[in-house]
Protein backbone atom coordinates (compact mmCIF):
# COMPACT_ATOMS: atom_id res chain seq x y z
CA UNK A 1 -10.68 -64.16 -3.13
CA UNK A 2 -10.39 -60.39 -2.99
CA UNK A 3 -12.30 -58.19 -5.10
CA UNK A 4 -10.95 -54.88 -5.82
CA UNK A 5 -13.61 -52.22 -6.61
CA UNK A 6 -12.50 -49.65 -9.13
CA UNK A 7 -13.50 -46.23 -9.91
CA UNK A 8 -13.33 -45.31 -13.98
CA UNK A 9 -15.24 -42.59 -15.60
CA UNK A 10 -16.14 -39.09 -15.75
CA UNK A 11 -17.19 -38.55 -12.00
CA UNK A 12 -13.42 -38.99 -10.65
CA UNK A 13 -12.09 -36.27 -13.38
CA UNK A 14 -15.02 -33.72 -13.48
CA UNK A 15 -14.63 -33.91 -9.75
CA UNK A 16 -10.79 -32.36 -10.06
CA UNK A 17 -11.71 -30.08 -12.53
CA UNK A 18 -13.84 -28.47 -10.35
CA UNK A 19 -11.42 -28.34 -7.41
CA UNK A 20 -9.06 -26.55 -9.73
CA UNK A 21 -11.43 -24.19 -10.76
CA UNK A 22 -12.60 -23.50 -7.23
CA UNK A 23 -9.02 -22.51 -6.34
CA UNK A 24 -8.41 -20.36 -9.19
CA UNK A 25 -11.67 -18.76 -8.66
CA UNK A 26 -10.12 -18.00 -4.60
CA UNK A 27 -6.35 -17.10 -5.95
CA UNK A 28 -8.13 -14.18 -8.65
CA UNK A 29 -10.54 -12.95 -5.75
CA UNK A 30 -7.20 -12.53 -3.46
CA UNK A 31 -5.50 -10.79 -6.15
CA UNK A 32 -8.69 -8.34 -6.95
CA UNK A 33 -9.38 -7.27 -3.82
CA UNK A 34 -5.89 -7.84 -1.92
CA UNK A 35 -3.08 -8.07 -4.15
CA UNK A 36 -3.90 -5.67 -7.19
CA UNK A 37 -5.22 -2.09 -4.59
CA UNK A 38 -1.93 -2.76 -2.43
CA UNK A 39 0.73 -2.49 -5.47
CA UNK A 40 -1.37 0.66 -6.45
CA UNK A 41 -1.21 2.43 -3.01
CA UNK A 42 2.59 1.98 -2.85
CA UNK A 43 2.84 3.09 -6.06
CA UNK A 44 1.32 6.17 -5.32
CA UNK A 45 3.02 7.00 -2.28
CA UNK A 46 6.24 6.23 -4.06
CA UNK A 47 5.39 8.99 -6.54
CA UNK A 48 4.36 11.01 -3.53
CA UNK A 49 8.07 10.49 -1.89
CA UNK A 50 9.60 11.32 -5.05
CA UNK A 51 7.80 14.63 -6.05
CA UNK A 52 8.27 15.87 -2.34
CA UNK A 53 9.90 19.16 -2.58
CA UNK A 54 11.03 22.15 0.07
CA UNK A 55 8.29 24.38 0.65
CA UNK A 56 5.49 22.20 0.35
CA UNK A 57 3.37 21.38 3.66
CA UNK A 58 2.76 17.88 5.05
CA UNK A 59 1.29 15.85 7.88
CA UNK A 60 3.48 12.95 9.75
CA UNK A 61 1.72 9.91 10.50
CA UNK A 62 1.86 11.05 14.15
CA UNK A 63 -0.71 14.26 13.20
CA UNK A 64 2.02 16.94 13.02
CA UNK A 65 1.92 19.71 10.23
CA UNK A 66 4.71 21.87 8.69
CA UNK A 67 6.13 22.75 6.20
CA UNK A 68 9.54 21.20 4.34
CA UNK A 69 12.31 23.19 4.74
CA UNK A 70 15.42 20.50 3.58
CA UNK A 71 15.46 17.34 2.17
CA UNK A 72 18.18 14.56 2.43
CA UNK A 73 18.11 10.89 1.29
CA UNK A 74 16.04 9.44 4.20
CA UNK A 75 14.98 12.02 6.03
CA UNK A 76 13.66 15.75 5.65
CA UNK A 77 13.55 18.84 8.09
CA UNK A 78 9.73 20.01 9.18
CA UNK A 79 9.26 23.60 9.98
CA UNK A 80 6.20 23.03 12.63
CA UNK A 81 6.29 26.68 13.79
CA UNK A 82 8.12 30.07 13.59
CA UNK A 83 11.40 28.87 15.21
CA UNK A 84 11.03 25.29 15.71
CA UNK A 85 12.05 22.71 13.19
CA UNK A 86 12.39 18.89 13.33
CA UNK A 87 13.90 15.94 11.63
CA UNK A 88 11.97 13.30 10.41
CA UNK A 89 12.28 10.33 8.25
CA UNK A 90 10.60 10.02 5.27
CA UNK A 91 8.82 6.95 6.00
CA UNK A 92 6.73 8.55 8.82
CA UNK A 93 5.63 11.21 6.41
CA UNK A 94 1.13 10.46 5.69
CA UNK A 95 1.07 13.03 2.78
CA UNK A 96 0.90 16.23 1.37
CA UNK A 97 -1.44 18.55 3.29
CA UNK A 98 -3.88 19.25 0.71
CA UNK A 99 -6.08 21.76 3.03
CA UNK A 100 -3.46 24.39 3.15
CA UNK A 101 -4.35 26.82 6.58
CA UNK A 102 -4.86 30.44 5.24
CA UNK A 103 -4.31 31.74 8.85
CA UNK A 104 -2.39 35.14 8.64
């Protein structure tokens, strides 16, 4: 009375393997383009933060240049002019200033 069509054969299994292959390919692309570089950048930042020392010239995320005078657990004191020091969070440090000023 009713006829049911069944599909058996290599076509169904092969299609799912191709789909799994595409998914694995996309995951690999995300890993190499997004996750891996982000981990590397985080490791470099942690290394830089652990190597901060008094006397280092740094810049902040806001663009302030200065010299570290004191280091605490979560903050640093930054001399930005002859008579002006500010305390800022370590997380706001943009990096170590490699273009040290030669003005005298």
